[in-house]
Amino acid sequence: MNARMNPFRDPFAEIERAFEQAYRSQASGPGMPLDLVRDGETFVAYLDVPGVDAETIDIDVEDRTLTVRATRKAPEGEGLQWLARERSAGTYARQLTLGYGVALDKVEAEYADGVLKLTIPVAEEAKPRKIAVKKAGTPATIEADKAE
């Protein structure tokens, strides 16, 4: 049976297929794939930035938005003739919006084997804590002067 004439065909199948193709091409293109985990009192973000010199990585925080920028340079040279060019080059950026429960002044970063690791601690004021309940003493009696 022809797919165009099939009355039981899912009307959204074509749209879904188009989105999947767009997502696949976007995922395989340039960017910084990210994994984010919570490990106790710390959030840890892992960003893939292979082929990037650590000197080109720039990280800043402004108004609760953490921005990571990195530059990958293409090989250069006089007489260089490209036979295949699939690896992208240029400057890439990724932004993370951070909540109010993290310590922005204590973010740490390390780069090894093409992976940038950001360690973002939970802020002290956001950590769970116990509040002690004190037993109140006997209520004090306040006496007023009697007007005579």
C-alpha atoms as a PDB file:
ATOM      1  CA  MET A   1       0.000   0.000   0.000  1.00  0.00           C
ATOM      2  CA  ASN A   2       1.331   3.431  -0.898  1.00  0.00           C
ATOM      3  CA  ALA A   3       2.331   5.505   2.166  1.00  0.00           C
ATOM      4  CA  ARG A   4       0.582   8.576   0.748  1.00  0.00           C
ATOM      5  CA  MET A   5      -2.683   6.739   0.464  1.00  0.00           C
ATOM      6  CA  ASN A   6      -2.541   4.944   3.789  1.00  0.00           C
ATOM      7  CA  PRO A   7      -5.371   6.331   5.972  1.00  0.00           C
ATOM      8  CA  PHE A   8      -3.800   4.776   9.111  1.00  0.00           C
ATOM      9  CA  ARG A   9      -0.456   6.528   8.671  1.00  0.00           C
ATOM     10  CA  ASP A  10       0.692   8.650  11.602  1.00  0.00           C
ATOM     11  CA  PRO A  11       0.266  12.268  10.462  1.00  0.00           C
ATOM     12  CA  PHE A  12       3.176  13.371  12.658  1.00  0.00           C
ATOM     13  CA  ALA A  13       5.653  10.748  11.429  1.00  0.00           C
ATOM     14  CA  GLU A  14       7.131  13.044   8.775  1.00  0.00           C
ATOM     15  CA  ILE A  15       7.525  15.896  11.243  1.00  0.00           C
ATOM     16  CA  GLU A  16       9.150  13.585  13.793  1.00  0.00           C
ATOM     17  CA  ARG A  17      11.524  12.198  11.159  1.00  0.00           C
ATOM     18  CA  ALA A  18      12.513  15.744  10.134  1.00  0.00           C
ATOM     19  CA  PHE A  19      13.230  16.690  13.759  1.00  0.00           C
ATOM     20  CA  GLU A  20      15.298  13.529  14.282  1.00  0.00           C
ATOM     21  CA  GLN A  21      17.384  14.293  11.180  1.00  0.00           C
ATOM     22  CA  ALA A  22      17.913  17.879  12.314  1.00  0.00           C
ATOM     23  CA  TYR A  23      18.887  16.737  15.810  1.00  0.00           C
ATOM     24  CA  ARG A  24      21.333  14.143  14.456  1.00  0.00           C
ATOM     25  CA  SER A  25      23.032  16.657  12.186  1.00  0.00           C
ATOM     26  CA  GLN A  26      23.196  19.187  15.036  1.00  0.00           C
ATOM     27  CA  ALA A  27      24.605  16.624  17.480  1.00  0.00           C
ATOM     28  CA  SER A  28      27.298  15.544  15.043  1.00  0.00           C
ATOM     29  CA  GLY A  29      28.254  19.150  14.268  1.00  0.00           C
ATOM     30  CA  PRO A  30      30.367  21.527  16.321  1.00  0.00           C
ATOM     31  CA  GLY A  31      29.560  22.054  19.962  1.00  0.00           C
ATOM     32  CA  MET A  32      30.354  21.007  23.489  1.00  0.00           C
ATOM     33  CA  PRO A  33      28.399  17.943  24.587  1.00  0.00           C
ATOM     34  CA  LEU A  34      27.693  18.079  28.308  1.00  0.00           C
ATOM     35  CA  ASP A  35      27.130  15.638  31.166  1.00  0.00           C
ATOM     36  CA  LEU A  36      25.975  17.071  34.494  1.00  0.00           C
ATOM     37  CA  VAL A  37      25.863  15.116  37.761  1.00  0.00           C
ATOM     38  CA  ARG A  38      25.411  15.841  41.438  1.00  0.00           C
ATOM     39  CA  ASP A  39      27.889  14.205  43.767  1.00  0.00           C
ATOM     40  CA  GLY A  40      26.820  14.941  47.337  1.00  0.00           C
ATOM     41  CA  GLU A  41      27.359  18.655  47.965  1.00  0.00           C
ATOM     42  CA  THR A  42      28.823  19.329  44.502  1.00  0.00           C
ATOM     43  CA  PHE A  43      27.592  19.575  40.929  1.00  0.00           C
ATOM     44  CA  VAL A  44      30.052  18.361  38.300  1.00  0.00           C
ATOM     45  CA  ALA A  45      29.813  19.260  34.608  1.00  0.00           C
ATOM     46  CA  TYR A  46      31.852  17.392  31.990  1.00  0.00           C
ATOM     47  CA  LEU A  47      32.180  19.136  28.609  1.00  0.00           C
ATOM     48  CA  ASP A  48      33.802  17.487  25.593  1.00  0.00           C
ATOM     49  CA  VAL A  49      36.258  19.866  23.929  1.00  0.00           C
ATOM     50  CA  PRO A  50      38.722  17.604  22.094  1.00  0.00           C
ATOM     51  CA  GLY A  51      41.581  19.134  20.159  1.00  0.00           C
ATOM     52  CA  VAL A  52      41.448  22.374  22.131  1.00  0.00           C
ATOM     53  CA  ASP A  53      44.522  23.929  23.689  1.00  0.00           C
ATOM     54  CA  ALA A  54      43.871  24.625  27.383  1.00  0.00           C
ATOM     55  CA  GLU A  55      45.200  28.163  26.882  1.00  0.00           C
ATOM     56  CA  THR A  56      42.193  28.961  24.654  1.00  0.00           C
ATOM     57  CA  ILE A  57      39.546  27.932  27.198  1.00  0.00           C
ATOM     58  CA  ASP A  58      37.790  30.910  28.780  1.00  0.00           C
ATOM     59  CA  ILE A  59      35.236  30.526  31.580  1.00  0.00           C
ATOM     60  CA  ASP A  60      33.267  33.359  33.133  1.00  0.00           C
ATOM     61  CA  VAL A  61      30.174  33.861  35.272  1.00  0.00           C
ATOM     62  CA  GLU A  62      27.882  36.833  34.861  1.00  0.00           C
ATOM     63  CA  ASP A  63      24.464  37.185  36.440  1.00  0.00           C
ATOM     64  CA  ARG A  64      24.184  33.443  37.244  1.00  0.00           C
ATOM     65  CA  THR A  65      25.129  32.443  33.684  1.00  0.00           C
ATOM     66  CA  LEU A  66      28.336  30.427  33.334  1.00  0.00           C
ATOM     67  CA  THR A  67      29.868  30.700  29.860  1.00  0.00           C
ATOM     68  CA  VAL A  68      32.573  28.413  28.497  1.00  0.00           C
ATOM     69  CA  ARG A  69      34.426  29.394  25.319  1.00  0.00           C
ATOM     70  CA  ALA A  70      37.126  27.366  23.606  1.00  0.00           C
ATOM     71  CA  THR A  71      38.971  27.624  20.303  1.00  0.00           C
ATOM     72  CA  ARG A  72      40.101  24.764  18.106  1.00  0.00           C
ATOM     73  CA  LYS A  73      42.565  25.735  15.397  1.00  0.00           C
ATOM     74  CA  ALA A  74      42.819  24.016  12.033  1.00  0.00           C
ATOM     75  CA  PRO A  75      46.243  22.895  10.840  1.00  0.00           C
ATOM     76  CA  GLU A  76      47.971  25.630   8.880  1.00  0.00           C
ATOM     77  CA  GLY A  77      50.989  25.658   6.691  1.00  0.00           C
ATOM     78  CA  GLU A  78      52.339  26.801   3.392  1.00  0.00           C
ATOM     79  CA  GLY A  79      51.705  24.223   0.728  1.00  0.00           C
ATOM     80  CA  LEU A  80      49.101  22.431   2.870  1.00  0.00           C
ATOM     81  CA  GLN A  81      46.541  20.706   0.656  1.00  0.00           C
ATOM     82  CA  TRP A  82      43.317  19.482   2.255  1.00  0.00           C
ATOM     83  CA  LEU A  83      42.249  16.010   1.121  1.00  0.00           C
ATOM     84  CA  ALA A  84      39.485  15.628   3.691  1.00  0.00           C
ATOM     85  CA  ARG A  85      38.177  18.097   6.241  1.00  0.00           C
ATOM     86  CA  GLU A  86      35.605  16.766   8.685  1.00  0.00           C
ATOM     87  CA  ARG A  87      36.880  18.206  11.954  1.00  0.00           C
ATOM     88  CA  SER A  88      35.469  21.630  12.654  1.00  0.00           C
ATOM     89  CA  ALA A  89      37.614  24.555  13.743  1.00  0.00           C
ATOM     90  CA  GLY A  90      36.763  27.872  15.338  1.00  0.00           C
ATOM     91  CA  THR A  91      35.468  29.216  18.628  1.00  0.00           C
ATOM     92  CA  TYR A  92      32.718  27.339  20.434  1.00  0.00           C
ATOM     93  CA  ALA A  93      30.643  28.452  23.394  1.00  0.00           C
ATOM     94  CA  ARG A  94      28.293  26.823  25.865  1.00  0.00           C
ATOM     95  CA  GLN A  95      26.209  28.540  28.533  1.00  0.00           C
ATOM     96  CA  LEU A  96      24.758  27.120  31.726  1.00  0.00           C
ATOM     97  CA  THR A  97      22.195  28.982  33.807  1.00  0.00           C
ATOM     98  CA  LEU A  98      23.026  28.381  37.446  1.00  0.00           C
ATOM     99  CA  GLY A  99      20.505  28.391  40.257  1.00  0.00           C
ATOM    100  CA  TYR A 100      20.750  30.394  43.448  1.00  0.00           C
ATOM    101  CA  GLY A 101      21.884  27.403  45.506  1.00  0.00           C
ATOM    102  CA  VAL A 102      25.468  27.204  44.188  1.00  0.00           C
ATOM    103  CA  ALA A 103      28.672  28.911  45.323  1.00  0.00           C
ATOM    104  CA  LEU A 104      29.713  30.895  42.253  1.00  0.00           C
ATOM    105  CA  ASP A 105      32.925  32.079  43.910  1.00  0.00           C
ATOM    106  CA  LYS A 106      34.129  28.492  44.401  1.00  0.00           C
ATOM    107  CA  VAL A 107      33.737  27.068  40.871  1.00  0.00           C
ATOM    108  CA  GLU A 108      36.829  25.116  39.795  1.00  0.00           C
ATOM    109  CA  ALA A 109      37.881  23.885  36.350  1.00  0.00           C
ATOM    110  CA  GLU A 110      40.361  21.312  35.096  1.00  0.00           C
ATOM    111  CA  TYR A 111      41.083  20.081  31.583  1.00  0.00           C
ATOM    112  CA  ALA A 112      42.486  16.663  30.686  1.00  0.00           C
ATOM    113  CA  ASP A 113      42.244  14.353  27.688  1.00  0.00           C
ATOM    114  CA  GLY A 114      39.819  16.615  25.813  1.00  0.00           C
ATOM    115  CA  VAL A 115      37.336  16.874  28.697  1.00  0.00           C
ATOM    116  CA  LEU A 116      36.725  20.044  30.694  1.00  0.00           C
ATOM    117  CA  LYS A 117      35.536  19.291  34.227  1.00  0.00           C
ATOM    118  CA  LEU A 118      33.721  22.042  36.137  1.00  0.00           C
ATOM    119  CA  THR A 119      33.166  21.529  39.853  1.00  0.00           C
ATOM    120  CA  ILE A 120      30.368  23.718  41.234  1.00  0.00           C
ATOM    121  CA  PRO A 121      29.807  23.401  45.007  1.00  0.00           C
ATOM    122  CA  VAL A 122      26.423  23.838  46.663  1.00  0.00           C
ATOM    123  CA  ALA A 123      26.310  27.118  48.598  1.00  0.00           C
ATOM    124  CA  GLU A 124      26.444  26.842  52.395  1.00  0.00           C
ATOM    125  CA  GLU A 125      23.090  28.600  52.737  1.00  0.00           C
ATOM    126  CA  ALA A 126      21.479  26.055  50.398  1.00  0.00           C
ATOM    127  CA  LYS A 127      22.680  22.983  52.296  1.00  0.00           C
ATOM    128  CA  PRO A 128      20.167  21.187  54.498  1.00  0.00           C
ATOM    129  CA  ARG A 129      20.675  21.794  58.187  1.00  0.00           C
ATOM    130  CA  LYS A 130      19.032  21.082  61.509  1.00  0.00           C
ATOM    131  CA  ILE A 131      17.620  23.859  63.628  1.00  0.00           C
ATOM    132  CA  ALA A 132      17.777  23.265  67.357  1.00  0.00           C
ATOM    133  CA  VAL A 133      14.608  23.886  69.315  1.00  0.00           C
ATOM    134  CA  LYS A 134      15.165  25.432  72.712  1.00  0.00           C
ATOM    135  CA  LYS A 135      12.745  24.850  75.505  1.00  0.00           C
ATOM    136  CA  ALA A 136      11.288  28.093  76.633  1.00  0.00           C
ATOM    137  CA  GLY A 137      11.391  28.885  80.367  1.00  0.00           C
ATOM    138  CA  THR A 138       8.351  29.659  82.412  1.00  0.00           C
ATOM    139  CA  PRO A 139       6.510  32.619  81.025  1.00  0.00           C
ATOM    140  CA  ALA A 140       7.340  35.849  82.734  1.00  0.00           C
ATOM    141  CA  THR A 141       4.535  37.797  84.300  1.00  0.00           C
ATOM    142  CA  ILE A 142       4.423  41.456  83.556  1.00  0.00           C
ATOM    143  CA  GLU A 143       2.660  43.549  86.125  1.00  0.00           C
ATOM    144  CA  ALA A 144       1.373  46.993  85.451  1.00  0.00           C
ATOM    145  CA  ASP A 145       1.086  49.776  87.967  1.00  0.00           C
ATOM    146  CA  LYS A 146      -2.457  50.160  89.197  1.00  0.00           C
ATOM    147  CA  ALA A 147      -3.759  53.630  88.863  1.00  0.00           C
ATOM    148  CA  GLU A 148      -5.568  54.672  91.993  1.00  0.00           C
END
